[in-house]
């Protein structure tokens, strides 16, 4: 049985409605498996650490 502390903190999906891509100001999609917010327009994925989205371009990874 897995320990609840092993799972990543949950992300408040309502926060997703308020957040936009810092580059394009466009919508973001939530990738629960990778714990990222993805901007398809900018081809960037922003990490979510300890339940907090890190909306810095320098912290984002490129996605195809």
C-alpha atoms as a PDB file:
ATOM      1  CA  UNK A   1       0.000   0.000   0.000  1.00  0.00           C
ATOM      2  CA  UNK A   2       1.361   3.443  -0.876  1.00  0.00           C
ATOM      3  CA  UNK A   3       1.952   6.113   1.696  1.00  0.00           C
ATOM      4  CA  UNK A   4      -0.143   9.283   1.104  1.00  0.00           C
ATOM      5  CA  UNK A   5       3.009  11.304   1.717  1.00  0.00           C
ATOM      6  CA  UNK A   6       4.572   9.683  -1.371  1.00  0.00           C
ATOM      7  CA  UNK A   7       1.963  11.182  -3.689  1.00  0.00           C
ATOM      8  CA  UNK A   8       2.430  14.731  -4.980  1.00  0.00           C
ATOM      9  CA  UNK A   9       0.346  17.465  -3.369  1.00  0.00           C
ATOM     10  CA  UNK A  10      -2.907  18.087  -5.147  1.00  0.00           C
ATOM     11  CA  UNK A  11      -3.254  21.061  -7.448  1.00  0.00           C
ATOM     12  CA  UNK A  12      -6.308  23.282  -7.123  1.00  0.00           C
ATOM     13  CA  UNK A  13      -7.906  23.065 -10.568  1.00  0.00           C
ATOM     14  CA  UNK A  14      -9.839  26.286  -9.903  1.00  0.00           C
ATOM     15  CA  UNK A  15      -6.471  28.047  -9.877  1.00  0.00           C
ATOM     16  CA  UNK A  16      -6.061  26.910 -13.487  1.00  0.00           C
ATOM     17  CA  UNK A  17      -8.918  29.215 -14.491  1.00  0.00           C
ATOM     18  CA  UNK A  18      -6.987  32.228 -13.163  1.00  0.00           C
ATOM     19  CA  UNK A  19      -3.556  31.335 -14.530  1.00  0.00           C
ATOM     20  CA  UNK A  20      -2.351  32.056 -18.045  1.00  0.00           C
ATOM     21  CA  UNK A  21       0.886  31.424 -19.874  1.00  0.00           C
ATOM     22  CA  UNK A  22       3.334  34.223 -19.016  1.00  0.00           C
ATOM     23  CA  UNK A  23       4.582  34.230 -22.622  1.00  0.00           C
ATOM     24  CA  UNK A  24       1.391  34.077 -24.693  1.00  0.00           C
ATOM     25  CA  UNK A  25      -1.240  34.985 -22.071  1.00  0.00           C
ATOM     26  CA  UNK A  26      -3.091  31.929 -23.392  1.00  0.00           C
ATOM     27  CA  UNK A  27      -4.797  28.993 -21.696  1.00  0.00           C
ATOM     28  CA  UNK A  28      -2.922  26.300 -19.850  1.00  0.00           C
ATOM     29  CA  UNK A  29      -3.763  22.632 -19.544  1.00  0.00           C
ATOM     30  CA  UNK A  30      -3.046  20.523 -16.466  1.00  0.00           C
ATOM     31  CA  UNK A  31      -0.914  17.395 -16.800  1.00  0.00           C
ATOM     32  CA  UNK A  32      -1.575  15.525 -13.544  1.00  0.00           C
ATOM     33  CA  UNK A  33       0.874  12.720 -14.303  1.00  0.00           C
ATOM     34  CA  UNK A  34       3.827  15.079 -14.784  1.00  0.00           C
ATOM     35  CA  UNK A  35       2.547  17.727 -12.363  1.00  0.00           C
ATOM     36  CA  UNK A  36       2.863  20.483 -14.949  1.00  0.00           C
ATOM     37  CA  UNK A  37       0.830  23.248 -16.535  1.00  0.00           C
ATOM     38  CA  UNK A  38       1.259  23.123 -20.298  1.00  0.00           C
ATOM     39  CA  UNK A  39       1.047  26.012 -22.727  1.00  0.00           C
ATOM     40  CA  UNK A  40       0.456  24.455 -26.133  1.00  0.00           C
ATOM     41  CA  UNK A  41       0.825  27.848 -27.830  1.00  0.00           C
ATOM     42  CA  UNK A  42       4.259  28.513 -26.304  1.00  0.00           C
ATOM     43  CA  UNK A  43       5.339  24.835 -26.330  1.00  0.00           C
ATOM     44  CA  UNK A  44       6.293  25.125 -22.661  1.00  0.00           C
ATOM     45  CA  UNK A  45       5.473  23.082 -19.565  1.00  0.00           C
ATOM     46  CA  UNK A  46       5.602  24.836 -16.210  1.00  0.00           C
ATOM     47  CA  UNK A  47       6.317  22.634 -13.168  1.00  0.00           C
ATOM     48  CA  UNK A  48       4.083  22.376 -10.123  1.00  0.00           C
ATOM     49  CA  UNK A  49       6.168  21.925  -6.971  1.00  0.00           C
ATOM     50  CA  UNK A  50       4.534  21.185  -3.624  1.00  0.00           C
ATOM     51  CA  UNK A  51       1.193  22.218  -5.117  1.00  0.00           C
ATOM     52  CA  UNK A  52       2.548  25.589  -6.315  1.00  0.00           C
ATOM     53  CA  UNK A  53       2.794  26.336 -10.052  1.00  0.00           C
ATOM     54  CA  UNK A  54       6.171  27.801 -10.994  1.00  0.00           C
ATOM     55  CA  UNK A  55       5.222  30.244 -13.754  1.00  0.00           C
ATOM     56  CA  UNK A  56       8.747  31.294 -14.707  1.00  0.00           C
ATOM     57  CA  UNK A  57       9.883  30.785 -18.295  1.00  0.00           C
ATOM     58  CA  UNK A  58      13.372  29.935 -17.007  1.00  0.00           C
ATOM     59  CA  UNK A  59      11.873  27.036 -15.024  1.00  0.00           C
ATOM     60  CA  UNK A  60       9.704  25.715 -17.873  1.00  0.00           C
ATOM     61  CA  UNK A  61      10.693  22.848 -20.119  1.00  0.00           C
ATOM     62  CA  UNK A  62      10.238  22.820 -23.880  1.00  0.00           C
ATOM     63  CA  UNK A  63       7.559  20.517 -25.257  1.00  0.00           C
ATOM     64  CA  UNK A  64       6.930  19.544 -28.866  1.00  0.00           C
END
